Amino acid sequence: MIETEKKQTVVKGFGRHEKDTGSPEVQIALITARIDALNEHFAKFKKDTNSRRGFLKLIGQRRKLLKYLQETDPSKYQEILTKLNLRK
């Protein structure tokens, strides 16, 4: 899990207002932070297959949110991709 301080900075950076945690932009950013943390974990522990399932579920959840954002607001979608350095 990511720390609360890091979570708050992500919410401030991507949220529409200070306490915004439900918008797709914030959710995508938080999931991306968790994915990055798990990537570092898997670099150390290559045989941790139990955590890999949750990792793949997170990737799928982020993919769904990105697809939703692309359909509803393409400009925000492009902005999120550039801010988070995601390939698409």
C-alpha atoms as a PDB file:
ATOM      1  CA  MET A   1       0.000   0.000   0.000  1.00  0.00           C
ATOM      2  CA  ILE A   2       1.070   3.534  -0.557  1.00  0.00           C
ATOM      3  CA  GLU A   3       1.580   5.906   2.329  1.00  0.00           C
ATOM      4  CA  THR A   4      -1.077   8.440   3.270  1.00  0.00           C
ATOM      5  CA  GLU A   5       1.268  11.379   2.642  1.00  0.00           C
ATOM      6  CA  LYS A   6       2.033  10.152  -0.847  1.00  0.00           C
ATOM      7  CA  LYS A   7      -1.664   9.507  -1.407  1.00  0.00           C
ATOM      8  CA  GLN A   8      -2.524  13.070  -0.387  1.00  0.00           C
ATOM      9  CA  THR A   9       0.047  14.538  -2.782  1.00  0.00           C
ATOM     10  CA  VAL A  10      -1.380  12.429  -5.614  1.00  0.00           C
ATOM     11  CA  VAL A  11      -4.909  13.625  -4.784  1.00  0.00           C
ATOM     12  CA  LYS A  12      -3.753  17.257  -4.728  1.00  0.00           C
ATOM     13  CA  GLY A  13      -1.901  16.859  -8.005  1.00  0.00           C
ATOM     14  CA  PHE A  14      -4.676  15.159  -9.958  1.00  0.00           C
ATOM     15  CA  GLY A  15      -7.900  16.030  -8.116  1.00  0.00           C
ATOM     16  CA  ARG A  16     -10.454  18.572  -9.199  1.00  0.00           C
ATOM     17  CA  HIS A  17     -10.548  19.951  -5.643  1.00  0.00           C
ATOM     18  CA  GLU A  18      -8.653  19.310  -2.416  1.00  0.00           C
ATOM     19  CA  LYS A  19     -10.644  16.319  -1.156  1.00  0.00           C
ATOM     20  CA  ASP A  20     -11.449  14.768  -4.527  1.00  0.00           C
ATOM     21  CA  THR A  21     -10.835  11.029  -4.384  1.00  0.00           C
ATOM     22  CA  GLY A  22     -13.547   9.727  -6.692  1.00  0.00           C
ATOM     23  CA  SER A  23     -12.769  11.294 -10.039  1.00  0.00           C
ATOM     24  CA  PRO A  24     -11.286   8.940 -12.639  1.00  0.00           C
ATOM     25  CA  GLU A  25      -8.108  11.035 -12.870  1.00  0.00           C
ATOM     26  CA  VAL A  26      -7.343  10.570  -9.160  1.00  0.00           C
ATOM     27  CA  GLN A  27      -8.256   6.884  -9.211  1.00  0.00           C
ATOM     28  CA  ILE A  28      -5.959   6.269 -12.198  1.00  0.00           C
ATOM     29  CA  ALA A  29      -3.117   8.149 -10.516  1.00  0.00           C
ATOM     30  CA  LEU A  30      -3.519   6.230  -7.243  1.00  0.00           C
ATOM     31  CA  ILE A  31      -3.661   2.879  -9.019  1.00  0.00           C
ATOM     32  CA  THR A  32      -0.564   3.832 -11.026  1.00  0.00           C
ATOM     33  CA  ALA A  33       1.289   4.632  -7.789  1.00  0.00           C
ATOM     34  CA  ARG A  34       0.328   1.214  -6.388  1.00  0.00           C
ATOM     35  CA  ILE A  35       1.401  -0.486  -9.624  1.00  0.00           C
ATOM     36  CA  ASP A  36       4.781   1.266  -9.480  1.00  0.00           C
ATOM     37  CA  ALA A  37       5.268   0.148  -5.870  1.00  0.00           C
ATOM     38  CA  LEU A  38       4.414  -3.433  -6.788  1.00  0.00           C
ATOM     39  CA  ASN A  39       6.816  -3.288  -9.740  1.00  0.00           C
ATOM     40  CA  GLU A  40       9.629  -2.474  -7.316  1.00  0.00           C
ATOM     41  CA  HIS A  41       8.478  -5.319  -5.071  1.00  0.00           C
ATOM     42  CA  PHE A  42       8.550  -7.819  -7.934  1.00  0.00           C
ATOM     43  CA  ALA A  43      12.053  -6.707  -8.894  1.00  0.00           C
ATOM     44  CA  LYS A  44      13.216  -7.918  -5.470  1.00  0.00           C
ATOM     45  CA  PHE A  45      10.928 -10.934  -5.084  1.00  0.00           C
ATOM     46  CA  LYS A  46      10.624 -12.605  -8.464  1.00  0.00           C
ATOM     47  CA  LYS A  47       8.848 -15.719  -7.172  1.00  0.00           C
ATOM     48  CA  ASP A  48       6.004 -13.893  -5.413  1.00  0.00           C
ATOM     49  CA  THR A  49       3.209 -15.242  -7.598  1.00  0.00           C
ATOM     50  CA  ASN A  50       0.458 -14.693  -5.019  1.00  0.00           C
ATOM     51  CA  SER A  51       0.818 -10.918  -5.132  1.00  0.00           C
ATOM     52  CA  ARG A  52       1.044 -10.999  -8.909  1.00  0.00           C
ATOM     53  CA  ARG A  53      -2.674 -11.802  -9.176  1.00  0.00           C
ATOM     54  CA  GLY A  54      -3.601  -8.599  -7.345  1.00  0.00           C
ATOM     55  CA  PHE A  55      -1.104  -6.739  -9.495  1.00  0.00           C
ATOM     56  CA  LEU A  56      -2.804  -7.964 -12.666  1.00  0.00           C
ATOM     57  CA  LYS A  57      -6.207  -7.008 -11.262  1.00  0.00           C
ATOM     58  CA  LEU A  58      -4.914  -3.487 -10.626  1.00  0.00           C
ATOM     59  CA  ILE A  59      -3.684  -3.243 -14.203  1.00  0.00           C
ATOM     60  CA  GLY A  60      -7.111  -4.322 -15.462  1.00  0.00           C
ATOM     61  CA  GLN A  61      -8.868  -1.818 -13.224  1.00  0.00           C
ATOM     62  CA  ARG A  62      -6.627   0.992 -14.482  1.00  0.00           C
ATOM     63  CA  ARG A  63      -7.256  -0.074 -18.068  1.00  0.00           C
ATOM     64  CA  LYS A  64     -11.026   0.122 -17.530  1.00  0.00           C
ATOM     65  CA  LEU A  65     -10.773   3.568 -15.952  1.00  0.00           C
ATOM     66  CA  LEU A  66      -8.565   4.799 -18.805  1.00  0.00           C
ATOM     67  CA  LYS A  67     -11.062   3.493 -21.343  1.00  0.00           C
ATOM     68  CA  TYR A  68     -13.906   5.264 -19.516  1.00  0.00           C
ATOM     69  CA  LEU A  69     -11.942   8.510 -19.387  1.00  0.00           C
ATOM     70  CA  GLN A  70     -11.083   8.261 -23.072  1.00  0.00           C
ATOM     71  CA  GLU A  71     -14.752   7.898 -23.984  1.00  0.00           C
ATOM     72  CA  THR A  72     -16.030  10.677 -21.712  1.00  0.00           C
ATOM     73  CA  ASP A  73     -13.253  13.292 -21.836  1.00  0.00           C
ATOM     74  CA  PRO A  74     -10.497  12.721 -24.436  1.00  0.00           C
ATOM     75  CA  SER A  75      -8.564  15.860 -23.445  1.00  0.00           C
ATOM     76  CA  LYS A  76      -8.301  14.729 -19.799  1.00  0.00           C
ATOM     77  CA  TYR A  77      -7.301  11.287 -21.066  1.00  0.00           C
ATOM     78  CA  GLN A  78      -4.365  12.716 -23.028  1.00  0.00           C
ATOM     79  CA  GLU A  79      -3.391  14.904 -20.083  1.00  0.00           C
ATOM     80  CA  ILE A  80      -3.339  11.909 -17.714  1.00  0.00           C
ATOM     81  CA  LEU A  81      -1.233   9.866 -20.138  1.00  0.00           C
ATOM     82  CA  THR A  82       1.398  12.580 -20.389  1.00  0.00           C
ATOM     83  CA  LYS A  83       1.444  13.324 -16.637  1.00  0.00           C
ATOM     84  CA  LEU A  84       1.834   9.664 -15.677  1.00  0.00           C
ATOM     85  CA  ASN A  85       4.098   8.715 -18.584  1.00  0.00           C
ATOM     86  CA  LEU A  86       1.805   5.908 -19.706  1.00  0.00           C
ATOM     87  CA  ARG A  87       2.144   4.429 -23.163  1.00  0.00           C
ATOM     88  CA  LYS A  88      -0.927   4.543 -25.361  1.00  0.00           C
END
